[in-house]
Amino acid sequence: SISASNHFEVVGISDGSFDFRARATNVLGIRGDWNT
């Protein structure tokens, strides 16, 4: 269920340095590039 702005939460982490990444998939199942 996608809108122009989508919120995600990472729960259960402590202090430190983290990497996050996200990507989309179209209706044919083709995956886009990661944005990191």
PDB file of all heavy atoms in Angstrom:
ATOM      1  N   SER A   1       0.870  -1.173   0.000  1.00  0.00           N
ATOM      2  CA  SER A   1       0.000   0.000   0.000  1.00  0.00           C
ATOM      3  C   SER A   1       0.911   1.228   0.000  1.00  0.00           C
ATOM      4  O   SER A   1       1.488   1.574   1.029  1.00  0.00           O
ATOM      5  CB  SER A   1      -0.918  -0.009   1.222  1.00  0.00           C
ATOM      6  OG  SER A   1      -1.722   1.141   1.261  1.00  0.00           O
ATOM      7  N   ILE A   2       1.048   1.859  -1.157  1.00  0.00           N
ATOM      8  CA  ILE A   2       2.083   2.863  -1.355  1.00  0.00           C
ATOM      9  C   ILE A   2       1.451   4.232  -1.566  1.00  0.00           C
ATOM     10  O   ILE A   2       0.455   4.380  -2.271  1.00  0.00           O
ATOM     11  CB  ILE A   2       2.960   2.505  -2.567  1.00  0.00           C
ATOM     12  CG1 ILE A   2       3.572   1.112  -2.373  1.00  0.00           C
ATOM     13  CG2 ILE A   2       4.071   3.520  -2.762  1.00  0.00           C
ATOM     14  CD1 ILE A   2       4.345   0.643  -3.568  1.00  0.00           C
ATOM     15  N   SER A   3       2.065   5.234  -0.944  1.00  0.00           N
ATOM     16  CA  SER A   3       1.697   6.622  -1.164  1.00  0.00           C
ATOM     17  C   SER A   3       2.959   7.399  -1.502  1.00  0.00           C
ATOM     18  O   SER A   3       4.053   6.831  -1.602  1.00  0.00           O
ATOM     19  CB  SER A   3       1.011   7.201   0.078  1.00  0.00           C
ATOM     20  OG  SER A   3       1.881   7.135   1.200  1.00  0.00           O
ATOM     21  N   ALA A   4       2.828   8.702  -1.677  1.00  0.00           N
ATOM     22  CA  ALA A   4       3.997   9.514  -2.010  1.00  0.00           C
ATOM     23  C   ALA A   4       4.997   9.553  -0.868  1.00  0.00           C
ATOM     24  O   ALA A   4       6.205   9.673  -1.085  1.00  0.00           O
ATOM     25  CB  ALA A   4       3.558  10.929  -2.390  1.00  0.00           C
ATOM     26  N   SER A   5       4.516   9.451   0.377  1.00  0.00           N
ATOM     27  CA  SER A   5       5.386   9.444   1.551  1.00  0.00           C
ATOM     28  C   SER A   5       5.005   8.251   2.423  1.00  0.00           C
ATOM     29  O   SER A   5       3.845   8.079   2.789  1.00  0.00           O
ATOM     30  CB  SER A   5       5.252  10.748   2.338  1.00  0.00           C
ATOM     31  OG  SER A   5       6.082  10.748   3.480  1.00  0.00           O
ATOM     32  N   ASN A   6       5.983   7.385   2.744  1.00  0.00           N
ATOM     33  CA  ASN A   6       5.727   6.133   3.454  1.00  0.00           C
ATOM     34  C   ASN A   6       6.656   6.045   4.668  1.00  0.00           C
ATOM     35  O   ASN A   6       7.858   6.261   4.550  1.00  0.00           O
ATOM     36  CB  ASN A   6       5.964   4.941   2.531  1.00  0.00           C
ATOM     37  CG  ASN A   6       5.231   5.070   1.210  1.00  0.00           C
ATOM     38  OD1 ASN A   6       4.101   4.644   1.060  1.00  0.00           O
ATOM     39  ND2 ASN A   6       5.882   5.692   0.223  1.00  0.00           N
ATOM     40  N   HIS A   7       6.081   5.721   5.820  1.00  0.00           N
ATOM     41  CA  HIS A   7       6.858   5.679   7.063  1.00  0.00           C
ATOM     42  C   HIS A   7       7.147   4.235   7.460  1.00  0.00           C
ATOM     43  O   HIS A   7       6.261   3.376   7.413  1.00  0.00           O
ATOM     44  CB  HIS A   7       6.113   6.399   8.191  1.00  0.00           C
ATOM     45  CG  HIS A   7       6.016   7.872   8.004  1.00  0.00           C
ATOM     46  ND1 HIS A   7       7.062   8.728   8.248  1.00  0.00           N
ATOM     47  CD2 HIS A   7       5.000   8.663   7.575  1.00  0.00           C
ATOM     48  CE1 HIS A   7       6.701   9.974   7.985  1.00  0.00           C
ATOM     49  NE2 HIS A   7       5.442   9.950   7.576  1.00  0.00           N
ATOM     50  N   PHE A   8       8.390   3.994   7.837  1.00  0.00           N
ATOM     51  CA  PHE A   8       8.821   2.702   8.353  1.00  0.00           C
ATOM     52  C   PHE A   8       9.511   2.927   9.690  1.00  0.00           C
ATOM     53  O   PHE A   8      10.081   3.994   9.928  1.00  0.00           O
ATOM     54  CB  PHE A   8       9.777   2.004   7.383  1.00  0.00           C
ATOM     55  CG  PHE A   8       9.127   1.542   6.104  1.00  0.00           C
ATOM     56  CD1 PHE A   8       8.939   2.417   5.048  1.00  0.00           C
ATOM     57  CD2 PHE A   8       8.717   0.227   5.974  1.00  0.00           C
ATOM     58  CE1 PHE A   8       8.337   1.986   3.874  1.00  0.00           C
ATOM     59  CE2 PHE A   8       8.119  -0.212   4.803  1.00  0.00           C
ATOM     60  CZ  PHE A   8       7.926   0.668   3.750  1.00  0.00           C
ATOM     61  N   GLU A   9       9.489   1.898  10.550  1.00  0.00           N
ATOM     62  CA  GLU A   9      10.107   1.996  11.861  1.00  0.00           C
ATOM     63  C   GLU A   9      11.022   0.803  12.097  1.00  0.00           C
ATOM     64  O   GLU A   9      10.660  -0.341  11.783  1.00  0.00           O
ATOM     65  CB  GLU A   9       9.042   2.049  12.963  1.00  0.00           C
ATOM     66  CG  GLU A   9       8.156   3.286  12.899  1.00  0.00           C
ATOM     67  CD  GLU A   9       7.137   3.321  14.017  1.00  0.00           C
ATOM     68  OE1 GLU A   9       7.002   2.277  14.711  1.00  0.00           O
ATOM     69  OE2 GLU A   9       6.487   4.357  14.209  1.00  0.00           O
ATOM     70  N   VAL A  10      12.200   1.095  12.626  1.00  0.00           N
ATOM     71  CA  VAL A  10      13.130   0.053  13.063  1.00  0.00           C
ATOM     72  C   VAL A  10      13.132   0.096  14.587  1.00  0.00           C
ATOM     73  O   VAL A  10      13.600   1.065  15.191  1.00  0.00           O
ATOM     74  CB  VAL A  10      14.538   0.286  12.502  1.00  0.00           C
ATOM     75  CG1 VAL A  10      15.471  -0.832  12.951  1.00  0.00           C
ATOM     76  CG2 VAL A  10      14.505   0.384  10.979  1.00  0.00           C
ATOM     77  N   VAL A  11      12.591  -0.936  15.217  1.00  0.00           N
ATOM     78  CA  VAL A  11      12.394  -0.962  16.667  1.00  0.00           C
ATOM     79  C   VAL A  11      13.341  -1.981  17.286  1.00  0.00           C
ATOM     80  O   VAL A  11      13.549  -3.069  16.747  1.00  0.00           O
ATOM     81  CB  VAL A  11      10.935  -1.307  17.025  1.00  0.00           C
ATOM     82  CG1 VAL A  11      10.722  -1.293  18.527  1.00  0.00           C
ATOM     83  CG2 VAL A  11       9.981  -0.323  16.343  1.00  0.00           C
ATOM     84  N   GLY A  12      13.916  -1.612  18.427  1.00  0.00           N
ATOM     85  CA  GLY A  12      14.762  -2.539  19.162  1.00  0.00           C
ATOM     86  C   GLY A  12      16.239  -2.352  18.923  1.00  0.00           C
ATOM     87  O   GLY A  12      17.010  -3.295  19.053  1.00  0.00           O
ATOM     88  N   ILE A  13      16.663  -1.137  18.577  1.00  0.00           N
ATOM     89  CA  ILE A  13      18.079  -0.884  18.339  1.00  0.00           C
ATOM     90  C   ILE A  13      18.640  -0.001  19.453  1.00  0.00           C
ATOM     91  O   ILE A  13      17.900   0.703  20.140  1.00  0.00           O
ATOM     92  CB  ILE A  13      18.321  -0.229  16.959  1.00  0.00           C
ATOM     93  CG1 ILE A  13      17.680   1.162  16.908  1.00  0.00           C
ATOM     94  CG2 ILE A  13      17.773  -1.094  15.850  1.00  0.00           C
ATOM     95  CD1 ILE A  13      17.992   1.894  15.619  1.00  0.00           C
ATOM     96  N   SER A  14      19.938  -0.061  19.607  1.00  0.00           N
ATOM     97  CA  SER A  14      20.627   0.747  20.614  1.00  0.00           C
ATOM     98  C   SER A  14      21.445   1.820  19.909  1.00  0.00           C
ATOM     99  O   SER A  14      21.388   1.973  18.688  1.00  0.00           O
ATOM    100  CB  SER A  14      21.523  -0.142  21.476  1.00  0.00           C
ATOM    101  OG  SER A  14      22.447  -0.847  20.666  1.00  0.00           O
ATOM    102  N   ASP A  15      22.228   2.541  20.676  1.00  0.00           N
ATOM    103  CA  ASP A  15      23.051   3.594  20.090  1.00  0.00           C
ATOM    104  C   ASP A  15      24.126   2.985  19.184  1.00  0.00           C
ATOM    105  O   ASP A  15      24.636   1.893  19.443  1.00  0.00           O
ATOM    106  CB  ASP A  15      23.727   4.413  21.189  1.00  0.00           C
ATOM    107  CG  ASP A  15      22.715   5.190  22.008  1.00  0.00           C
ATOM    108  OD1 ASP A  15      21.522   5.130  21.656  1.00  0.00           O
ATOM    109  OD2 ASP A  15      23.107   5.836  22.984  1.00  0.00           O
ATOM    110  N   GLY A  16      24.451   3.711  18.131  1.00  0.00           N
ATOM    111  CA  GLY A  16      25.491   3.241  17.230  1.00  0.00           C
ATOM    112  C   GLY A  16      25.290   3.755  15.826  1.00  0.00           C
ATOM    113  O   GLY A  16      24.366   4.533  15.536  1.00  0.00           O
ATOM    114  N   SER A  17      26.139   3.315  14.918  1.00  0.00           N
ATOM    115  CA  SER A  17      26.110   3.726  13.514  1.00  0.00           C
ATOM    116  C   SER A  17      25.377   2.658  12.700  1.00  0.00           C
ATOM    117  O   SER A  17      25.721   1.470  12.765  1.00  0.00           O
ATOM    118  CB  SER A  17      27.534   3.925  12.993  1.00  0.00           C
ATOM    119  OG  SER A  17      27.512   4.377  11.658  1.00  0.00           O
ATOM    120  N   PHE A  18      24.404   3.089  11.904  1.00  0.00           N
ATOM    121  CA  PHE A  18      23.566   2.165  11.145  1.00  0.00           C
ATOM    122  C   PHE A  18      23.494   2.582   9.677  1.00  0.00           C
ATOM    123  O   PHE A  18      23.652   3.755   9.335  1.00  0.00           O
ATOM    124  CB  PHE A  18      22.152   2.106  11.726  1.00  0.00           C
ATOM    125  CG  PHE A  18      22.059   1.398  13.047  1.00  0.00           C
ATOM    126  CD1 PHE A  18      22.307   2.091  14.223  1.00  0.00           C
ATOM    127  CD2 PHE A  18      21.720   0.062  13.113  1.00  0.00           C
ATOM    128  CE1 PHE A  18      22.225   1.461  15.449  1.00  0.00           C
ATOM    129  CE2 PHE A  18      21.633  -0.579  14.344  1.00  0.00           C
ATOM    130  CZ  PHE A  18      21.887   0.119  15.506  1.00  0.00           C
ATOM    131  N   ASP A  19      23.230   1.580   8.821  1.00  0.00           N
ATOM    132  CA  ASP A  19      22.950   1.803   7.407  1.00  0.00           C
ATOM    133  C   ASP A  19      21.492   1.431   7.152  1.00  0.00           C
ATOM    134  O   ASP A  19      20.989   0.435   7.693  1.00  0.00           O
ATOM    135  CB  ASP A  19      23.852   0.938   6.513  1.00  0.00           C
ATOM    136  CG  ASP A  19      25.325   1.219   6.730  1.00  0.00           C
ATOM    137  OD1 ASP A  19      25.655   2.329   7.182  1.00  0.00           O
ATOM    138  OD2 ASP A  19      26.143   0.332   6.422  1.00  0.00           O
ATOM    139  N   PHE A  20      20.830   2.227   6.321  1.00  0.00           N
ATOM    140  CA  PHE A  20      19.446   1.957   5.928  1.00  0.00           C
ATOM    141  C   PHE A  20      19.351   2.004   4.402  1.00  0.00           C
ATOM    142  O   PHE A  20      20.045   2.782   3.750  1.00  0.00           O
ATOM    143  CB  PHE A  20      18.491   2.996   6.535  1.00  0.00           C
ATOM    144  CG  PHE A  20      18.603   3.132   8.025  1.00  0.00           C
ATOM    145  CD1 PHE A  20      19.408   4.111   8.602  1.00  0.00           C
ATOM    146  CD2 PHE A  20      17.909   2.280   8.863  1.00  0.00           C
ATOM    147  CE1 PHE A  20      19.519   4.248   9.967  1.00  0.00           C
ATOM    148  CE2 PHE A  20      18.015   2.411  10.245  1.00  0.00           C
ATOM    149  CZ  PHE A  20      18.816   3.388  10.795  1.00  0.00           C
ATOM    150  N   ARG A  21      18.488   1.175   3.818  1.00  0.00           N
ATOM    151  CA  ARG A  21      18.293   1.211   2.373  1.00  0.00           C
ATOM    152  C   ARG A  21      16.857   0.838   2.022  1.00  0.00           C
ATOM    153  O   ARG A  21      16.173   0.119   2.779  1.00  0.00           O
ATOM    154  CB  ARG A  21      19.281   0.277   1.663  1.00  0.00           C
ATOM    155  CG  ARG A  21      19.081  -1.219   1.903  1.00  0.00           C
ATOM    156  CD  ARG A  21      20.140  -2.016   1.145  1.00  0.00           C
ATOM    157  NE  ARG A  21      19.918  -3.455   1.228  1.00  0.00           N
ATOM    158  CZ  ARG A  21      20.680  -4.370   0.627  1.00  0.00           C
ATOM    159  NH1 ARG A  21      21.737  -3.982  -0.092  1.00  0.00           N
ATOM    160  NH2 ARG A  21      20.406  -5.659   0.737  1.00  0.00           N
ATOM    161  N   ALA A  22      16.407   1.330   0.872  1.00  0.00           N
ATOM    162  CA  ALA A  22      15.027   1.104   0.426  1.00  0.00           C
ATOM    163  C   ALA A  22      15.005   1.005  -1.091  1.00  0.00           C
ATOM    164  O   ALA A  22      15.841   1.594  -1.789  1.00  0.00           O
ATOM    165  CB  ALA A  22      14.108   2.227   0.901  1.00  0.00           C
ATOM    166  N   ARG A  23      14.027   0.253  -1.610  1.00  0.00           N
ATOM    167  CA  ARG A  23      13.834   0.146  -3.055  1.00  0.00           C
ATOM    168  C   ARG A  23      12.373  -0.173  -3.343  1.00  0.00           C
ATOM    169  O   ARG A  23      11.633  -0.655  -2.471  1.00  0.00           O
ATOM    170  CB  ARG A  23      14.738  -0.927  -3.661  1.00  0.00           C
ATOM    171  CG  ARG A  23      14.389  -2.348  -3.268  1.00  0.00           C
ATOM    172  CD  ARG A  23      15.327  -3.350  -3.913  1.00  0.00           C
ATOM    173  NE  ARG A  23      15.063  -4.717  -3.459  1.00  0.00           N
ATOM    174  CZ  ARG A  23      15.796  -5.770  -3.816  1.00  0.00           C
ATOM    175  NH1 ARG A  23      16.845  -5.613  -4.619  1.00  0.00           N
ATOM    176  NH2 ARG A  23      15.490  -6.981  -3.369  1.00  0.00           N
ATOM    177  N   ALA A  24      11.967   0.065  -4.580  1.00  0.00           N
ATOM    178  CA  ALA A  24      10.598  -0.202  -5.028  1.00  0.00           C
ATOM    179  C   ALA A  24      10.602  -1.347  -6.034  1.00  0.00           C
ATOM    180  O   ALA A  24      11.632  -1.677  -6.633  1.00  0.00           O
ATOM    181  CB  ALA A  24       9.984   1.050  -5.642  1.00  0.00           C
ATOM    182  N   THR A  25       9.440  -1.948  -6.220  1.00  0.00           N
ATOM    183  CA  THR A  25       9.223  -2.999  -7.211  1.00  0.00           C
ATOM    184  C   THR A  25       7.991  -2.638  -8.027  1.00  0.00           C
ATOM    185  O   THR A  25       6.985  -2.193  -7.461  1.00  0.00           O
ATOM    186  CB  THR A  25       9.024  -4.368  -6.530  1.00  0.00           C
ATOM    187  OG1 THR A  25      10.165  -4.658  -5.713  1.00  0.00           O
ATOM    188  CG2 THR A  25       8.858  -5.471  -7.554  1.00  0.00           C
ATOM    189  N   ASN A  26       8.050  -2.816  -9.361  1.00  0.00           N
ATOM    190  CA  ASN A  26       6.888  -2.479 -10.176  1.00  0.00           C
ATOM    191  C   ASN A  26       5.929  -3.660 -10.270  1.00  0.00           C
ATOM    192  O   ASN A  26       6.159  -4.727  -9.685  1.00  0.00           O
ATOM    193  CB  ASN A  26       7.309  -1.959 -11.559  1.00  0.00           C
ATOM    194  CG  ASN A  26       7.930  -3.045 -12.429  1.00  0.00           C
ATOM    195  OD1 ASN A  26       7.879  -4.232 -12.123  1.00  0.00           O
ATOM    196  ND2 ASN A  26       8.527  -2.634 -13.532  1.00  0.00           N
ATOM    197  N   VAL A  27       4.846  -3.500 -11.017  1.00  0.00           N
ATOM    198  CA  VAL A  27       3.785  -4.519 -11.062  1.00  0.00           C
ATOM    199  C   VAL A  27       4.244  -5.803 -11.728  1.00  0.00           C
ATOM    200  O   VAL A  27       3.615  -6.853 -11.570  1.00  0.00           O
ATOM    201  CB  VAL A  27       2.538  -3.965 -11.781  1.00  0.00           C
ATOM    202  CG1 VAL A  27       1.907  -2.846 -10.979  1.00  0.00           C
ATOM    203  CG2 VAL A  27       2.888  -3.490 -13.185  1.00  0.00           C
ATOM    204  N   LEU A  28       5.325  -5.766 -12.494  1.00  0.00           N
ATOM    205  CA  LEU A  28       5.849  -6.965 -13.137  1.00  0.00           C
ATOM    206  C   LEU A  28       6.886  -7.673 -12.279  1.00  0.00           C
ATOM    207  O   LEU A  28       7.490  -8.658 -12.700  1.00  0.00           O
ATOM    208  CB  LEU A  28       6.458  -6.611 -14.497  1.00  0.00           C
ATOM    209  CG  LEU A  28       5.479  -6.049 -15.531  1.00  0.00           C
ATOM    210  CD1 LEU A  28       6.210  -5.729 -16.840  1.00  0.00           C
ATOM    211  CD2 LEU A  28       4.348  -7.034 -15.797  1.00  0.00           C
ATOM    212  N   GLY A  29       7.113  -7.178 -11.061  1.00  0.00           N
ATOM    213  CA  GLY A  29       8.075  -7.803 -10.172  1.00  0.00           C
ATOM    214  C   GLY A  29       9.510  -7.386 -10.402  1.00  0.00           C
ATOM    215  O   GLY A  29      10.430  -7.984  -9.830  1.00  0.00           O
ATOM    216  N   ILE A  30       9.726  -6.362 -11.209  1.00  0.00           N
ATOM    217  CA  ILE A  30      11.082  -5.877 -11.470  1.00  0.00           C
ATOM    218  C   ILE A  30      11.479  -4.921 -10.350  1.00  0.00           C
ATOM    219  O   ILE A  30      10.776  -3.953 -10.068  1.00  0.00           O
ATOM    220  CB  ILE A  30      11.161  -5.182 -12.840  1.00  0.00           C
ATOM    221  CG1 ILE A  30      10.780  -6.178 -13.938  1.00  0.00           C
ATOM    222  CG2 ILE A  30      12.554  -4.617 -13.083  1.00  0.00           C
ATOM    223  CD1 ILE A  30      10.726  -5.570 -15.322  1.00  0.00           C
ATOM    224  N   ARG A  31      12.615  -5.210  -9.713  1.00  0.00           N
ATOM    225  CA  ARG A  31      13.074  -4.429  -8.572  1.00  0.00           C
ATOM    226  C   ARG A  31      13.939  -3.264  -9.029  1.00  0.00           C
ATOM    227  O   ARG A  31      14.748  -3.394  -9.944  1.00  0.00           O
ATOM    228  CB  ARG A  31      13.852  -5.312  -7.596  1.00  0.00           C
ATOM    229  CG  ARG A  31      13.023  -6.421  -6.956  1.00  0.00           C
ATOM    230  CD  ARG A  31      13.854  -7.228  -5.983  1.00  0.00           C
ATOM    231  NE  ARG A  31      13.047  -8.223  -5.280  1.00  0.00           N
ATOM    232  CZ  ARG A  31      12.859  -9.462  -5.713  1.00  0.00           C
ATOM    233  NH1 ARG A  31      13.429  -9.846  -6.851  1.00  0.00           N
ATOM    234  NH2 ARG A  31      12.108 -10.298  -5.020  1.00  0.00           N
ATOM    235  N   GLY A  32      13.783  -2.137  -8.358  1.00  0.00           N
ATOM    236  CA  GLY A  32      14.591  -0.969  -8.647  1.00  0.00           C
ATOM    237  C   GLY A  32      15.900  -1.004  -7.877  1.00  0.00           C
ATOM    238  O   GLY A  32      16.217  -1.955  -7.161  1.00  0.00           O
ATOM    239  N   ASP A  33      16.676   0.049  -8.027  1.00  0.00           N
ATOM    240  CA  ASP A  33      17.956   0.150  -7.340  1.00  0.00           C
ATOM    241  C   ASP A  33      17.751   0.544  -5.884  1.00  0.00           C
ATOM    242  O   ASP A  33      16.818   1.279  -5.545  1.00  0.00           O
ATOM    243  CB  ASP A  33      18.850   1.183  -8.037  1.00  0.00           C
ATOM    244  CG  ASP A  33      19.210   0.768  -9.459  1.00  0.00           C
ATOM    245  OD1 ASP A  33      19.291  -0.448  -9.710  1.00  0.00           O
ATOM    246  OD2 ASP A  33      19.409   1.669 -10.307  1.00  0.00           O
ATOM    247  N   TRP A  34      18.653   0.066  -5.033  1.00  0.00           N
ATOM    248  CA  TRP A  34      18.629   0.461  -3.635  1.00  0.00           C
ATOM    249  C   TRP A  34      19.068   1.912  -3.477  1.00  0.00           C
ATOM    250  O   TRP A  34      19.990   2.358  -4.146  1.00  0.00           O
ATOM    251  CB  TRP A  34      19.580  -0.410  -2.811  1.00  0.00           C
ATOM    252  CG  TRP A  34      19.148  -1.834  -2.609  1.00  0.00           C
ATOM    253  CD1 TRP A  34      19.675  -2.940  -3.212  1.00  0.00           C
ATOM    254  CD2 TRP A  34      18.125  -2.312  -1.733  1.00  0.00           C
ATOM    255  NE1 TRP A  34      19.041  -4.074  -2.770  1.00  0.00           N
ATOM    256  CE2 TRP A  34      18.088  -3.730  -1.853  1.00  0.00           C
ATOM    257  CE3 TRP A  34      17.238  -1.697  -0.851  1.00  0.00           C
ATOM    258  CZ2 TRP A  34      17.203  -4.522  -1.135  1.00  0.00           C
ATOM    259  CZ3 TRP A  34      16.361  -2.487  -0.140  1.00  0.00           C
ATOM    260  CH2 TRP A  34      16.335  -3.873  -0.282  1.00  0.00           C
ATOM    261  N   ASN A  35      18.391   2.624  -2.623  1.00  0.00           N
ATOM    262  CA  ASN A  35      18.861   3.937  -2.166  1.00  0.00           C
ATOM    263  C   ASN A  35      19.330   3.749  -0.731  1.00  0.00           C
ATOM    264  O   ASN A  35      18.546   3.372   0.146  1.00  0.00           O
ATOM    265  CB  ASN A  35      17.748   4.979  -2.238  1.00  0.00           C
ATOM    266  CG  ASN A  35      18.236   6.366  -1.842  1.00  0.00           C
ATOM    267  OD1 ASN A  35      19.404   6.558  -1.517  1.00  0.00           O
ATOM    268  ND2 ASN A  35      17.342   7.331  -1.868  1.00  0.00           N
ATOM    269  N   THR A  36      20.614   4.000  -0.481  1.00  0.00           N
ATOM    270  CA  THR A  36      21.226   3.667   0.800  1.00  0.00           C
ATOM    271  C   THR A  36      21.679   4.917   1.536  1.00  0.00           C
ATOM    272  O   THR A  36      22.282   5.809   0.938  1.00  0.00           O
ATOM    273  CB  THR A  36      22.430   2.726   0.604  1.00  0.00           C
ATOM    274  OG1 THR A  36      22.016   1.557  -0.114  1.00  0.00           O
ATOM    275  CG2 THR A  36      23.026   2.312   1.942  1.00  0.00           C
TER     276      THR A  36
END
